[in-house]
Amino acid sequence: MTRHTPQFVQARSSQLSLRSLALEQSHASRAASVADAPFPRINAKEMKPESFTKPYCDFMTANPTVFHSVQYFKDKLTSAGYKELPSRDSWAGKLEPGGKYYVTRNGSSVIAFSVGKAYKPGNGAAMVAGHIDALTARLKPTSTKPLNNGYIQLGVAPYAGSLNETWWDRDLSIGGRVVVRDADTGKTSIKLTKLDWPIARIPTLAPHFGIGMMGQNNRETQAVPIIGLDNSDLFPTAATATPAQPLGGPGSFVSTQPPKLVKLIAKELGLSDPAAILNWELELYDSQPAQVGGLDKEFIFAGRIDDKLCSWAAFMALLHAKHDDADGVIKLVALFDDEEIGSLLRQGARGNFLPITLERAVESLSAPTDTPFGPGLMGQTFARSFLVSSDVTHAAHPNFGQTNLAGHSPRLNVGVALCVDASAHMTTDTVSMAILDRVAELAGCVNQRHMIRNDSRSGGTVGPMLSAAMGCKAADVGIPQLSMHSIRATTGSLDPGLGLKFYKGFLDHWEEVDAEWH
């Protein structure tokens, strides 16, 4: 969830014990078969939220960056029979009722959708949209820094609100995407990388020095990670006296990066020549695995919960959604990058990625039926569609009761929350709430409510910008969590499954519920 500044705001006037389940040897295999295999068509009321706890934790640990997450989703989609639609290609004649498709942008956003077998041009879409970027610290274009008392340090820049006080003394690893040129073929490609051990740490200062460490420090000079040691300056006559020299020729990208890091990444990618690296987009991340905790294992402790929680649940809901012969709508999940910094880039929700994808899909689907394609048909499509804007929301806090609003502070392991904001930072209104409460009734879910106190300020989601661009009905839905925007956060161990159950219920029942209104 984006954190709005005061200036932005001013300018824009159930509980289930898991102890016994954790002890059952069959639980892991059952969870894997149910959650990872996208083919079973399970009735939402019959879904067991606890079956999705371990698969979610595994996903969180294995996919620390937005690029790894998109690749994970692509692999799942391909195994489930979804076909990729390259944006650079024509889609004419490639889409048909009953088909399943996906498209990506920048390797950091993905839209997947299935077309109902009974689809007709002008029918609507049941859409869930969220974001998969998270607060992080990215390497600067020149990340090499001078040796400092024997420490090798790394130049990084905060993405959104990272490098805050929760980043001190954490085990940080590194990962992301690397641009590589093959010297033999002259072809350029992108490779993903991540290290499986922590290489960086931002050390605090001992309290003995009388300098506070809680949010009072300079991010440029006092939050610089250490990644290694080089004491060669202490031994001027030794063979190891010369510090590591830059790699590549003058002006090359690798010459601006720490030599040891370049060699390490090149080795991880199997590159014989580090100079083959033309550029990279690497970031630091908390390397501690996602894991369950609490007396009854009722919590999940993990990094990057905001928002790989709602995104994973929505995505898995699409893979588990039913596909009946009578389905006449498009079922779609869109996961965006850059929400935490305003969504303004082309892979963000303020770009044209979702509207243009729907337009191109409807254009392709309408051609064989001789239905004229144009603004009229798209206007009809959007008017018959519904958007669930999905982003984590704040759970009731046990230690800061003054931030909780009675009747509007959701609890963990109960169900998703319908999020309301009187200043329209959320899209939910009375009609959309009634629609989603009906969905919950049909799916056997419990909907909670979330609203901030009048003396608090709200964050934002992708909902307002997308619903405004398309003109469709919409609501904001969030899975509750504690410690939003911390490097480690907490949610309920049932919440990934409860979110999945709700999103699947929406995708399965939207057409039925919409028919009750018309």
Protein backbone atom coordinates (compact mmCIF):
# COMPACT_ATOMS: atom_id res chain seq x y z
CA MET A 1 0.00 0.00 0.00
CA THR A 2 1.34 3.41 -0.96
CA ARG A 3 1.94 5.75 1.96
CA HIS A 4 0.55 9.18 1.11
CA THR A 5 2.36 12.24 2.37
CA PRO A 6 0.40 15.01 4.13
CA GLN A 7 1.05 17.21 1.10
CA PHE A 8 -0.49 14.62 -1.20
CA VAL A 9 -3.55 14.29 0.99
CA GLN A 10 -3.99 18.04 1.22
CA ALA A 11 -3.66 18.43 -2.52
CA ARG A 12 -6.25 15.74 -3.22
CA SER A 13 -9.23 17.29 -1.15
CA SER A 14 -12.81 -18.88 12.37
CA GLN A 15 -9.80 -18.68 14.38
CA LEU A 16 -8.24 -22.09 13.67
CA SER A 17 -5.46 -23.79 15.62
CA LEU A 18 -2.74 -25.08 13.31
CA ARG A 19 -0.77 -27.02 15.91
CA SER A 20 -2.30 -30.39 15.11
CA LEU A 21 -2.20 -29.69 11.38
CA ALA A 22 1.49 -28.84 11.57
CA LEU A 23 2.18 -32.20 13.19
CA GLU A 24 0.44 -34.18 10.47
CA GLN A 25 2.93 -35.63 8.02
CA SER A 26 0.37 -35.56 5.26
CA HIS A 27 -0.17 -31.82 5.51
CA ALA A 28 2.77 -30.77 3.35
CA SER A 29 1.95 -33.13 0.52
CA ARG A 30 -1.73 -32.21 0.64
CA ALA A 31 -0.87 -28.51 0.60
CA ALA A 32 1.48 -28.95 -2.33
CA SER A 33 -1.03 -30.96 -4.36
CA VAL A 34 -3.86 -28.54 -3.73
CA ALA A 35 -2.06 -25.21 -3.88
CA ASP A 36 0.66 -25.77 -6.45
CA ALA A 37 -1.29 -27.78 -9.00
CA PRO A 38 -3.45 -25.24 -10.86
CA PHE A 39 -5.78 -27.79 -12.40
CA PRO A 40 -8.20 -28.91 -9.63
CA ARG A 41 -11.51 -27.06 -9.70
CA ILE A 42 -12.39 -26.77 -6.06
CA ASN A 43 -15.60 -25.23 -4.78
CA ALA A 44 -14.64 -22.17 -2.76
CA LYS A 45 -16.69 -23.33 0.23
CA GLU A 46 -14.69 -26.58 0.31
CA MET A 47 -11.27 -24.93 0.21
CA LYS A 48 -9.14 -25.35 3.33
CA PRO A 49 -7.15 -22.15 3.97
CA GLU A 50 -4.49 -24.03 5.95
CA SER A 51 -3.53 -25.92 2.79
CA PHE A 52 -2.03 -22.75 1.35
CA THR A 53 0.16 -21.68 4.26
CA LYS A 54 3.30 -23.59 3.29
CA PRO A 55 3.04 -22.91 -0.47
CA TYR A 56 2.75 -19.20 0.26
CA CYS A 57 5.78 -19.23 2.56
CA ASP A 58 7.75 -21.18 -0.06
CA PHE A 59 6.83 -18.61 -2.71
CA MET A 60 7.89 -15.73 -0.48
CA THR A 61 11.26 -17.27 0.31
CA ALA A 62 12.07 -18.33 -3.26
CA ASN A 63 11.02 -15.11 -5.04
CA PRO A 64 12.47 -12.08 -3.26
CA THR A 65 12.35 -9.55 -6.12
CA VAL A 66 9.57 -8.40 -8.42
CA PHE A 67 11.37 -10.02 -11.37
CA HIS A 68 11.54 -13.41 -9.69
CA SER A 69 7.86 -13.13 -8.78
CA VAL A 70 6.80 -12.47 -12.37
CA GLN A 71 8.89 -15.41 -13.58
CA TYR A 72 7.24 -17.60 -10.94
CA PHE A 73 3.81 -16.55 -12.17
CA LYS A 74 4.80 -17.13 -15.79
CA ASP A 75 5.98 -20.65 -15.01
CA LYS A 76 2.73 -21.42 -13.19
CA LEU A 77 0.65 -20.01 -16.03
CA THR A 78 2.52 -22.00 -18.66
CA SER A 79 2.09 -25.24 -16.72
CA ALA A 80 -1.64 -24.48 -16.43
CA GLY A 81 -2.04 -24.12 -20.18
CA TYR A 82 -1.97 -20.32 -20.47
CA LYS A 83 -0.48 -18.95 -23.68
CA GLU A 84 1.78 -15.90 -23.72
CA LEU A 85 0.69 -12.95 -25.86
CA PRO A 86 3.80 -10.92 -26.74
CA SER A 87 2.95 -7.22 -26.74
CA ARG A 88 5.02 -6.63 -29.89
CA ASP A 89 2.99 -9.15 -31.89
CA SER A 90 -0.46 -8.88 -33.41
CA TRP A 91 -3.17 -10.64 -31.39
CA ALA A 92 -5.52 -10.96 -34.36
CA GLY A 93 -6.91 -14.47 -34.60
CA LYS A 94 -5.05 -15.65 -31.49
CA LEU A 95 -7.82 -15.37 -28.88
CA GLU A 96 -10.97 -17.44 -28.61
CA PRO A 97 -13.67 -18.25 -26.04
CA GLY A 98 -12.36 -20.86 -23.62
CA GLY A 99 -8.77 -19.71 -24.07
CA LYS A 100 -6.28 -18.75 -21.36
CA TYR A 101 -3.64 -16.09 -21.90
CA TYR A 102 -1.08 -13.84 -20.23
CA VAL A 103 1.05 -10.83 -21.10
CA THR A 104 3.94 -9.17 -19.26
CA ARG A 105 5.50 -5.72 -19.29
CA ASN A 106 9.08 -4.85 -18.27
CA GLY A 107 9.43 -8.27 -16.66
CA SER A 108 7.90 -6.73 -13.53
CA SER A 109 4.14 -6.65 -14.26
CA VAL A 110 1.88 -9.42 -15.48
CA ILE A 111 -1.75 -9.74 -16.57
CA ALA A 112 -3.34 -13.18 -16.91
CA PHE A 113 -6.89 -13.91 -17.99
CA SER A 114 -9.21 -16.67 -19.11
CA VAL A 115 -12.07 -16.17 -21.56
CA GLY A 116 -15.38 -17.83 -20.75
CA LYS A 117 -16.53 -20.49 -23.19
CA ALA A 118 -19.83 -18.62 -23.61
CA TYR A 119 -18.17 -15.23 -24.00
CA LYS A 120 -19.72 -12.76 -26.44
CA PRO A 121 -18.29 -9.36 -27.39
CA GLY A 122 -19.57 -6.75 -24.98
CA ASN A 123 -19.61 -9.07 -21.99
CA GLY A 124 -17.73 -7.88 -18.93
CA ALA A 125 -14.64 -8.88 -17.02
CA ALA A 126 -14.18 -9.94 -13.41
CA MET A 127 -10.85 -8.36 -12.51
CA VAL A 128 -8.53 -8.45 -9.51
CA ALA A 129 -5.64 -5.97 -9.54
CA GLY A 130 -2.76 -5.59 -7.09
CA HIS A 131 0.95 -4.85 -6.92
CA ILE A 132 4.03 -7.02 -6.47
CA ASP A 133 6.68 -4.39 -5.82
CA ALA A 134 7.89 -3.96 -2.26
CA LEU A 135 10.06 -1.55 -0.31
CA THR A 136 13.68 -2.24 -1.10
CA ALA A 137 17.14 -0.71 -1.51
CA ARG A 138 18.48 -0.72 -5.06
CA LEU A 139 22.08 -0.48 -6.16
CA LYS A 140 23.03 2.91 -7.55
CA PRO A 141 24.26 3.16 -11.16
CA THR A 142 27.74 3.54 -9.66
CA SER A 143 27.66 1.40 -6.54
CA THR A 144 31.42 1.31 -5.84
CA LYS A 145 32.47 3.27 -2.78
CA PRO A 146 35.99 4.04 -1.49
CA LEU A 147 37.40 1.69 1.12
CA ASN A 148 36.42 2.85 4.59
CA ASN A 149 38.54 1.56 7.49
CA GLY A 150 38.90 -1.78 5.74
CA TYR A 151 35.22 -2.13 4.89
CA ILE A 152 33.95 -2.68 1.38
CA GLN A 153 30.66 -0.78 1.17
CA LEU A 154 27.88 -0.65 -1.39
CA GLY A 155 26.11 2.41 -2.77
CA VAL A 156 22.35 1.87 -2.60
CA ALA A 157 19.28 4.07 -2.89
CA PRO A 158 15.95 3.59 -1.10
CA TYR A 159 12.95 2.49 -3.14
CA ALA A 160 9.83 3.98 -1.55
CA GLY A 161 10.27 4.02 2.23
CA SER A 162 13.09 1.52 2.62
CA LEU A 163 16.30 2.03 4.60
CA ASN A 164 14.11 2.97 7.54
CA GLU A 165 14.94 1.99 11.12
CA THR A 166 13.77 -1.60 10.58
CA TRP A 167 16.64 -2.21 8.14
CA TRP A 168 19.39 -1.93 10.76
CA ASP A 169 21.32 -5.11 11.56
CA ARG A 170 19.36 -7.31 9.17
CA ASP A 171 20.84 -10.16 7.13
CA LEU A 172 20.60 -8.79 3.60
CA SER A 173 21.11 -10.67 0.37
CA ILE A 174 21.07 -9.41 -3.20
CA GLY A 175 19.09 -10.29 -6.32
CA GLY A 176 17.40 -8.95 -9.42
CA ARG A 177 17.95 -8.90 -13.16
CA VAL A 178 21.16 -8.63 -15.16
CA VAL A 179 21.56 -7.50 -18.77
CA VAL A 180 24.06 -9.76 -20.53
CA ARG A 181 25.56 -9.73 -24.04
CA ASP A 182 26.81 -12.94 -25.61
CA ALA A 183 30.16 -12.14 -27.24
CA ASP A 184 29.80 -15.01 -29.73
CA THR A 185 26.31 -14.21 -31.02
CA GLY A 186 26.11 -10.50 -30.24
CA LYS A 187 22.67 -11.11 -28.70
CA THR A 188 21.56 -9.32 -25.55
CA SER A 189 19.36 -11.01 -22.96
CA ILE A 190 18.14 -10.65 -19.39
CA LYS A 191 19.02 -13.15 -16.68
CA LEU A 192 17.70 -13.37 -13.13
CA THR A 193 19.98 -13.88 -10.18
CA LYS A 194 19.83 -14.11 -6.40
CA LEU A 195 22.36 -15.15 -3.81
CA ASP A 196 21.35 -17.78 -1.28
CA TRP A 197 23.26 -16.26 1.64
CA PRO A 198 23.39 -12.77 3.18
CA ILE A 199 26.20 -10.60 1.82
CA ALA A 200 25.30 -7.23 3.30
CA ARG A 201 24.43 -5.60 6.59
CA ILE A 202 23.73 -2.05 7.77
CA PRO A 203 25.33 -1.90 11.22
CA THR A 204 23.92 0.17 14.03
CA LEU A 205 25.96 2.30 16.37
CA ALA A 206 26.25 1.10 19.96
CA PRO A 207 24.18 3.16 22.44
CA HIS A 208 27.37 3.92 24.36
CA PHE A 209 28.04 6.75 21.91
CA GLY A 210 24.84 8.54 22.87
CA ILE A 211 23.51 8.79 19.31
CA GLY A 212 19.99 7.51 18.74
CA MET A 213 19.41 5.00 15.96
CA MET A 214 15.62 5.08 15.65
CA GLY A 215 14.79 7.08 12.54
CA GLN A 216 17.27 9.89 13.24
CA ASN A 217 20.02 8.98 10.83
CA ASN A 218 21.12 10.11 7.38
CA ARG A 219 20.19 7.56 4.72
CA GLU A 220 23.01 8.66 2.42
CA THR A 221 25.91 8.55 4.87
CA GLN A 222 24.80 6.46 7.85
CA ALA A 223 22.78 3.66 6.22
CA VAL A 224 25.49 2.34 3.90
CA PRO A 225 25.71 -1.47 3.76
CA ILE A 226 28.98 -3.30 4.36
CA ILE A 227 29.60 -6.23 2.00
CA GLY A 228 33.18 -7.27 2.73
CA LEU A 229 36.63 -6.48 4.10
CA ASP A 230 39.80 -5.27 2.43
CA ASN A 231 42.70 -4.41 4.77
CA SER A 232 45.30 -4.21 2.04
CA ASP A 233 46.13 -0.61 2.99
CA LEU A 234 47.61 -1.85 6.31
CA PHE A 235 50.21 -4.01 4.62
CA PRO A 236 51.90 -1.90 1.91
CA THR A 237 54.68 -4.45 1.26
CA ALA A 238 52.52 -7.55 1.11
CA ALA A 239 51.48 -9.27 -2.10
CA THR A 240 47.89 -8.43 -1.26
CA ALA A 241 48.59 -4.74 -0.78
CA THR A 242 46.79 -3.61 -3.92
CA PRO A 243 43.01 -3.25 -3.54
CA ALA A 244 40.83 -5.04 -6.06
CA GLN A 245 41.00 -3.21 -9.37
CA PRO A 246 37.91 -2.27 -11.43
CA LEU A 247 36.90 -4.74 -14.10
CA GLY A 248 36.23 -3.94 -17.74
CA GLY A 249 37.58 -1.05 -19.72
CA PRO A 250 37.18 2.64 -18.93
CA GLY A 251 33.55 3.70 -19.23
CA SER A 252 32.19 0.15 -18.98
CA PHE A 253 29.37 -0.62 -16.59
CA VAL A 254 31.28 -3.21 -14.58
CA SER A 255 34.05 -0.69 -13.92
CA THR A 256 31.56 1.27 -11.78
CA GLN A 257 30.67 -1.69 -9.55
CA PRO A 258 32.60 -3.43 -6.74
CA PRO A 259 34.94 -5.90 -8.52
CA LYS A 260 34.28 -8.74 -6.07
CA LEU A 261 30.53 -8.32 -6.49
CA VAL A 262 30.84 -8.31 -10.28
CA LYS A 263 32.85 -11.54 -10.21
CA LEU A 264 30.37 -13.11 -7.80
CA ILE A 265 27.33 -12.28 -9.95
CA ALA A 266 29.16 -13.40 -13.10
CA LYS A 267 29.96 -16.72 -11.44
CA GLU A 268 26.34 -17.18 -10.35
CA LEU A 269 25.24 -16.63 -13.96
CA GLY A 270 27.91 -18.91 -15.40
CA LEU A 271 29.66 -16.09 -17.28
CA SER A 272 33.33 -16.63 -18.08
CA ASP A 273 33.87 -12.93 -18.76
CA PRO A 274 32.40 -10.44 -16.24
CA ALA A 275 32.53 -7.77 -18.96
CA ALA A 276 29.55 -9.55 -20.56
CA ILE A 277 27.43 -7.80 -17.92
CA LEU A 278 26.11 -4.62 -19.57
CA ASN A 279 23.98 -3.44 -16.66
CA TRP A 280 21.91 -4.71 -13.79
CA GLU A 281 18.95 -3.88 -11.58
CA LEU A 282 19.89 -5.46 -8.28
CA GLU A 283 18.43 -4.86 -4.85
CA LEU A 284 18.98 -5.84 -1.25
CA TYR A 285 16.41 -7.92 0.57
CA ASP A 286 15.96 -9.57 3.94
CA SER A 287 17.25 -13.11 3.48
CA GLN A 288 15.45 -14.71 6.42
CA PRO A 289 12.87 -17.18 5.09
CA ALA A 290 9.15 -16.71 5.50
CA GLN A 291 7.97 -18.94 8.32
CA VAL A 292 5.06 -19.69 10.60
CA GLY A 293 5.18 -18.64 14.25
CA GLY A 294 3.10 -18.26 17.36
CA LEU A 295 1.98 -20.79 19.96
CA ASP A 296 -0.28 -22.54 17.50
CA LYS A 297 1.60 -21.44 14.38
CA GLU A 298 -1.15 -18.97 13.70
CA PHE A 299 1.18 -16.29 12.28
CA ILE A 300 3.36 -15.88 9.22
CA PHE A 301 6.50 -13.78 9.68
CA ALA A 302 8.06 -12.66 6.40
CA GLY A 303 9.57 -9.84 4.43
CA ARG A 304 7.80 -8.17 1.51
CA ILE A 305 4.29 -9.16 2.65
CA ASP A 306 3.18 -5.79 1.20
CA ASP A 307 2.18 -6.84 -1.31
CA LYS A 308 3.15 -10.30 -2.29
CA LEU A 309 0.32 -11.47 -0.05
CA CYS A 310 -2.77 -10.29 -1.91
CA SER A 311 -1.00 -10.74 -5.25
CA TRP A 312 -0.16 -14.38 -4.63
CA ALA A 313 -3.64 -15.13 -3.30
CA ALA A 314 -5.33 -13.47 -6.30
CA PHE A 315 -3.06 -15.18 -8.78
CA MET A 316 -3.62 -18.61 -7.27
CA ALA A 317 -7.35 -17.90 -7.23
CA LEU A 318 -7.27 -17.43 -11.00
CA LEU A 319 -5.50 -20.76 -11.45
CA HIS A 320 -8.13 -22.47 -9.25
CA ALA A 321 -11.14 -20.65 -10.73
CA LYS A 322 -13.88 -22.75 -12.29
CA HIS A 323 -14.37 -22.85 -16.05
CA ASP A 324 -17.89 -23.96 -16.93
CA ASP A 325 -19.46 -24.07 -20.37
CA ALA A 326 -21.87 -21.33 -19.28
CA ASP A 327 -19.13 -18.86 -18.25
CA GLY A 328 -19.55 -15.73 -20.34
CA VAL A 329 -17.04 -13.31 -18.81
CA ILE A 330 -13.33 -12.70 -18.83
CA LYS A 331 -11.62 -13.61 -15.54
CA LEU A 332 -8.49 -11.55 -15.07
CA VAL A 333 -5.73 -10.85 -12.54
CA ALA A 334 -3.35 -7.92 -13.06
CA LEU A 335 -0.24 -7.53 -10.90
CA PHE A 336 1.62 -4.24 -11.24
CA ASP A 337 5.02 -2.83 -10.40
CA ASP A 338 5.78 0.63 -8.94
CA GLU A 339 2.70 1.01 -6.73
CA GLU A 340 4.84 1.99 -3.79
CA ILE A 341 6.20 5.01 -5.70
CA GLY A 342 2.98 6.24 -7.31
CA SER A 343 2.40 3.80 -10.21
CA LEU A 344 3.46 6.40 -12.80
CA LEU A 345 5.80 4.25 -14.90
CA ARG A 346 4.63 2.20 -17.86
CA GLN A 347 4.57 -0.99 -15.81
CA GLY A 348 2.54 0.76 -13.11
CA ALA A 349 -1.22 0.88 -12.77
CA ARG A 350 -1.36 4.50 -13.98
CA GLY A 351 0.00 3.32 -17.31
CA ASN A 352 -2.16 1.85 -20.04
CA PHE A 353 -1.22 -1.78 -19.39
CA LEU A 354 -4.61 -3.02 -18.15
CA PRO A 355 -6.91 -0.93 -20.39
CA ILE A 356 -4.91 -1.67 -23.55
CA THR A 357 -4.72 -5.38 -22.72
CA LEU A 358 -8.51 -5.56 -22.39
CA GLU A 359 -9.00 -3.53 -25.55
CA ARG A 360 -6.68 -5.75 -27.58
CA ALA A 361 -8.33 -8.88 -26.18
CA VAL A 362 -11.86 -7.67 -26.96
CA GLU A 363 -10.75 -6.57 -30.43
CA SER A 364 -9.37 -10.03 -31.17
CA LEU A 365 -12.41 -11.80 -29.74
CA SER A 366 -14.89 -9.62 -31.61
CA ALA A 367 -13.37 -10.07 -35.08
CA PRO A 368 -14.69 -13.61 -35.79
CA THR A 369 -18.21 -12.54 -34.77
CA ASP A 370 -18.25 -9.54 -37.12
CA THR A 371 -19.02 -7.34 -34.12
CA PRO A 372 -17.83 -3.79 -34.83
CA PHE A 373 -14.96 -2.92 -32.51
CA GLY A 374 -14.59 0.57 -31.14
CA PRO A 375 -15.28 2.86 -28.18
CA GLY A 376 -18.88 1.70 -28.01
CA LEU A 377 -17.95 -1.93 -27.53
CA MET A 378 -15.26 -1.11 -24.97
CA GLY A 379 -17.63 1.18 -23.11
CA GLN A 380 -20.12 -1.68 -22.90
CA THR A 381 -17.38 -4.06 -21.72
CA PHE A 382 -16.20 -1.74 -18.95
CA ALA A 383 -19.76 -0.99 -17.83
CA ARG A 384 -20.36 -4.71 -17.37
CA SER A 385 -17.09 -5.27 -15.51
CA PHE A 386 -16.04 -5.17 -11.87
CA LEU A 387 -12.61 -4.47 -10.42
CA VAL A 388 -11.40 -5.75 -7.07
CA SER A 389 -8.46 -3.59 -6.10
CA SER A 390 -6.45 -5.81 -3.81
CA ASP A 391 -3.81 -4.54 -1.40
CA VAL A 392 -2.84 -5.38 2.16
CA THR A 393 -4.53 -3.41 4.90
CA HIS A 394 -3.84 -2.67 8.56
CA ALA A 395 -4.83 -5.27 11.13
CA ALA A 396 -5.99 -4.19 14.57
CA HIS A 397 -2.84 -3.45 16.58
CA PRO A 398 -2.53 -4.85 20.11
CA ASN A 399 -0.02 -2.25 21.37
CA PHE A 400 -1.34 0.90 19.72
CA GLY A 401 -5.05 0.74 20.43
CA GLN A 402 -5.40 4.44 19.73
CA THR A 403 -4.94 3.69 16.02
CA ASN A 404 -7.79 1.17 15.90
CA LEU A 405 -11.30 2.25 14.92
CA ALA A 406 -14.05 0.24 16.57
CA GLY A 407 -15.81 -2.04 14.09
CA HIS A 408 -13.34 -1.11 11.35
CA SER A 409 -10.05 -2.75 12.40
CA PRO A 410 -9.84 -6.26 10.91
CA ARG A 411 -8.33 -9.24 12.70
CA LEU A 412 -5.92 -11.86 11.42
CA ASN A 413 -7.14 -15.29 10.29
CA VAL A 414 -10.75 -14.18 9.84
CA GLY A 415 -11.11 -13.00 6.25
CA VAL A 416 -10.44 -10.14 3.87
CA ALA A 417 -11.49 -6.60 4.71
CA LEU A 418 -13.53 -4.28 2.51
CA CYS A 419 -11.65 -0.99 2.73
CA VAL A 420 -13.51 2.32 2.84
CA ASP A 421 -12.19 5.88 2.71
CA ALA A 422 -14.46 8.92 2.73
CA SER A 423 -11.88 10.94 0.77
CA ALA A 424 -11.86 8.40 -2.09
CA HIS A 425 -8.39 7.01 -1.53
CA MET A 426 -10.29 3.72 -1.84
CA THR A 427 -12.90 2.85 -4.46
CA THR A 428 -15.37 0.99 -2.26
CA ASP A 429 -18.93 2.36 -2.14
CA THR A 430 -22.26 1.04 -0.91
CA VAL A 431 -23.05 -0.81 -4.14
CA SER A 432 -19.66 -2.50 -4.43
CA MET A 433 -19.77 -3.48 -0.76
CA ALA A 434 -23.17 -5.11 -1.25
CA ILE A 435 -21.86 -6.96 -4.30
CA LEU A 436 -18.80 -8.33 -2.52
CA ASP A 437 -20.76 -9.26 0.60
CA ARG A 438 -22.98 -11.32 -1.69
CA VAL A 439 -19.86 -12.91 -3.20
CA ALA A 440 -18.67 -13.79 0.29
CA GLU A 441 -22.03 -15.36 1.09
CA LEU A 442 -21.87 -17.58 -1.98
CA ALA A 443 -18.21 -18.49 -1.36
CA GLY A 444 -18.57 -19.15 2.36
CA CYS A 445 -16.25 -16.30 3.35
CA VAL A 446 -16.32 -13.71 6.14
CA ASN A 447 -15.84 -10.09 5.04
CA GLN A 448 -14.45 -7.62 7.55
CA ARG A 449 -14.36 -3.83 7.36
CA HIS A 450 -11.44 -1.42 7.45
CA MET A 451 -11.53 2.34 7.80
CA ILE A 452 -9.03 4.72 9.34
CA ARG A 453 -9.82 7.10 12.17
CA ASN A 454 -10.65 10.69 11.29
CA ASP A 455 -7.38 11.82 12.90
CA SER A 456 -5.26 9.45 10.76
CA ARG A 457 -4.20 9.61 7.15
CA SER A 458 -4.87 6.96 4.56
CA GLY A 459 -2.61 5.22 2.13
CA GLY A 460 -3.57 4.56 -1.47
CA THR A 461 -4.05 1.64 -3.83
CA VAL A 462 -4.27 0.98 -7.57
CA GLY A 463 -8.07 0.99 -7.34
CA PRO A 464 -8.94 4.66 -7.88
CA MET A 465 -6.62 5.11 -10.85
CA LEU A 466 -7.78 1.94 -12.61
CA SER A 467 -11.50 2.38 -11.99
CA ALA A 468 -11.25 5.99 -13.14
CA ALA A 469 -9.44 4.97 -16.34
CA MET A 470 -11.95 2.25 -17.23
CA GLY A 471 -15.16 3.53 -15.64
CA CYS A 472 -16.01 0.16 -14.13
CA LYS A 473 -17.51 -0.59 -10.74
CA ALA A 474 -14.84 -1.29 -8.17
CA ALA A 475 -14.04 -1.97 -4.53
CA ASP A 476 -10.90 -2.11 -2.43
CA VAL A 477 -10.21 -5.36 -0.62
CA GLY A 478 -7.26 -6.04 1.67
CA ILE A 479 -5.78 -8.93 3.61
CA PRO A 480 -4.81 -7.66 7.09
CA GLN A 481 -1.23 -7.47 8.28
CA LEU A 482 0.85 -5.95 11.07
CA SER A 483 4.03 -3.88 10.64
CA MET A 484 3.30 -2.49 7.18
CA HIS A 485 6.41 -0.97 5.55
CA SER A 486 8.74 -2.81 7.91
CA ILE A 487 11.44 -5.08 6.52
CA ARG A 488 9.66 -7.95 8.36
CA ALA A 489 5.90 -8.07 8.77
CA THR A 490 3.20 -10.35 10.16
CA THR A 491 -0.01 -11.81 8.83
CA GLY A 492 -2.17 -14.75 9.82
CA SER A 493 -1.13 -18.21 8.68
CA LEU A 494 -4.64 -18.75 7.33
CA ASP A 495 -4.82 -15.39 5.58
CA PRO A 496 -3.19 -16.39 2.25
CA GLY A 497 -5.76 -19.18 1.95
CA LEU A 498 -8.64 -17.02 3.14
CA GLY A 499 -7.70 -14.39 0.58
CA LEU A 500 -7.45 -17.01 -2.14
CA LYS A 501 -10.86 -18.35 -1.17
CA PHE A 502 -12.46 -14.91 -1.44
CA TYR A 503 -10.81 -14.01 -4.76
CA LYS A 504 -11.77 -17.34 -6.24
CA GLY A 505 -15.31 -16.78 -5.02
CA PHE A 506 -15.36 -13.41 -6.78
CA LEU A 507 -14.04 -14.82 -10.06
CA ASP A 508 -16.46 -17.75 -9.90
CA HIS A 509 -19.59 -15.82 -8.87
CA TRP A 510 -19.26 -12.32 -10.32
CA GLU A 511 -21.37 -13.13 -13.38
CA GLU A 512 -24.06 -14.69 -11.20
CA VAL A 513 -24.11 -11.78 -8.75
CA ASP A 514 -24.14 -9.20 -11.54
CA ALA A 515 -27.19 -10.90 -13.03
CA GLU A 516 -29.04 -10.40 -9.73
CA TRP A 517 -28.76 -6.63 -10.23
CA HIS A 518 -29.97 -6.47 -13.81
